[in-house]
Amino acid sequence: MTAHFEDAPVLIVSQACRYSSLDQTQEPFKLLDLLLAHGADINAQNYRGHTALSQAASRGDESMVEYLLEHGAERAVKNRLGASPRRVARAQGHTKVARMLEY
């Protein structure tokens, strides 16, 4: 459940969108393409069990959720509280994202 050092960049890029203007550009996707091409784990989890997908779902980031799903992010990975990305999106009121995460 713990992210390894080499897997952390996917989480960092996903989280950076929350705190910067990266989410207004294609830059996060270019960075993620590069990281994934070099073997980063798209399903890496942080110490709370969150993945890049669950982080994107929690903030209602439709474009990031779409990107992550298209690149192999697992919908079923749960955090330490047992919540899937879909459940996280619903809890935050992001119904469109929750629908995107249906199986």
Protein backbone atom coordinates (compact mmCIF):
# COMPACT_ATOMS: atom_id res chain seq x y z
CA MET A 1 0.00 0.00 0.00
CA THR A 2 2.94 2.34 0.44
CA ALA A 3 4.27 4.22 -2.55
CA HIS A 4 7.87 3.50 -3.35
CA PHE A 5 10.19 6.41 -4.08
CA GLU A 6 10.21 5.67 -7.81
CA ASP A 7 6.39 5.61 -7.91
CA ALA A 8 5.80 8.85 -6.02
CA PRO A 9 6.11 11.21 -9.04
CA VAL A 10 2.69 10.22 -10.43
CA LEU A 11 1.11 11.16 -7.10
CA ILE A 12 3.09 14.39 -6.94
CA VAL A 13 2.07 15.53 -10.43
CA SER A 14 -1.55 14.68 -9.76
CA GLN A 15 -1.51 16.56 -6.47
CA ALA A 16 0.32 19.54 -7.98
CA CYS A 17 -2.73 20.23 -10.13
CA ARG A 18 -4.61 21.07 -6.96
CA TYR A 19 -2.21 23.78 -5.87
CA SER A 20 -1.02 25.38 -9.07
CA SER A 21 -1.95 26.56 -12.51
CA LEU A 22 -0.80 23.22 -13.95
CA ASP A 23 -4.41 22.13 -14.21
CA GLN A 24 -5.05 24.90 -16.74
CA THR A 25 -2.52 23.51 -19.22
CA GLN A 26 -1.46 20.28 -20.85
CA GLU A 27 1.71 20.23 -18.73
CA PRO A 28 0.57 17.64 -16.19
CA PHE A 29 -0.31 15.25 -18.98
CA LYS A 30 3.08 15.72 -20.64
CA LEU A 31 4.79 15.11 -17.31
CA LEU A 32 2.68 12.02 -16.64
CA ASP A 33 3.40 10.67 -20.14
CA LEU A 34 7.11 10.99 -19.43
CA LEU A 35 6.87 9.40 -15.99
CA LEU A 36 4.75 6.49 -17.22
CA ALA A 37 7.08 5.93 -20.17
CA HIS A 38 9.89 5.50 -17.65
CA GLY A 39 8.03 2.96 -15.55
CA ALA A 40 6.25 4.97 -12.87
CA ASP A 41 3.34 3.10 -11.28
CA ILE A 42 0.05 4.82 -12.11
CA ASN A 43 -1.57 3.01 -9.18
CA ALA A 44 1.02 3.92 -6.54
CA GLN A 45 -0.53 4.78 -3.18
CA ASN A 46 0.52 7.33 -0.61
CA TYR A 47 0.58 6.69 3.14
CA ARG A 48 -3.22 7.13 3.29
CA GLY A 49 -3.74 4.72 0.43
CA HIS A 50 -4.73 7.38 -2.08
CA THR A 51 -3.75 7.01 -5.72
CA ALA A 52 -3.51 9.73 -8.35
CA LEU A 53 -6.99 8.59 -9.46
CA SER A 54 -8.54 8.98 -6.03
CA GLN A 55 -6.88 12.39 -5.63
CA ALA A 56 -8.25 13.55 -8.98
CA ALA A 57 -11.67 12.13 -8.10
CA SER A 58 -11.72 13.98 -4.77
CA ARG A 59 -11.25 17.32 -6.49
CA GLY A 60 -13.59 16.58 -9.40
CA ASP A 61 -10.83 16.83 -11.99
CA GLU A 62 -12.59 15.25 -14.98
CA SER A 63 -9.72 15.61 -17.45
CA MET A 64 -7.21 14.02 -15.04
CA VAL A 65 -9.61 11.18 -14.20
CA GLU A 66 -10.13 10.52 -17.91
CA TYR A 67 -6.37 10.57 -18.57
CA LEU A 68 -5.58 8.23 -15.69
CA LEU A 69 -8.29 5.74 -16.69
CA GLU A 70 -7.09 5.75 -20.30
CA HIS A 71 -3.57 4.98 -19.06
CA GLY A 72 -4.46 2.04 -16.85
CA ALA A 73 -5.43 3.46 -13.48
CA GLU A 74 -7.42 0.92 -11.50
CA ARG A 75 -10.89 1.98 -10.40
CA ALA A 76 -11.01 -0.60 -7.61
CA VAL A 77 -7.95 0.47 -5.58
CA LYS A 78 -9.23 1.55 -2.17
CA ASN A 79 -7.65 3.89 0.33
CA ARG A 80 -6.88 2.93 3.93
CA LEU A 81 -10.46 3.73 4.93
CA GLY A 82 -11.78 1.34 2.30
CA ALA A 83 -13.06 4.02 -0.09
CA SER A 84 -12.72 3.59 -3.86
CA PRO A 85 -12.10 6.61 -6.12
CA ARG A 86 -15.80 6.51 -7.10
CA ARG A 87 -16.86 6.67 -3.46
CA VAL A 88 -14.41 9.53 -2.84
CA ALA A 89 -15.89 11.47 -5.79
CA ARG A 90 -19.44 10.90 -4.54
CA ALA A 91 -18.53 12.02 -1.03
CA GLN A 92 -17.21 15.29 -2.45
CA GLY A 93 -20.32 15.82 -4.59
CA HIS A 94 -18.63 15.17 -7.94
CA THR A 95 -21.40 13.11 -9.54
CA LYS A 96 -20.05 13.36 -13.10
CA VAL A 97 -16.68 12.03 -11.97
CA ALA A 98 -18.39 9.30 -9.96
CA ARG A 99 -20.23 8.24 -13.14
CA MET A 100 -16.92 8.20 -15.04
CA LEU A 101 -15.63 5.76 -12.44
CA GLU A 102 -18.46 3.25 -12.79
CA TYR A 103 -17.43 -0.15 -14.08
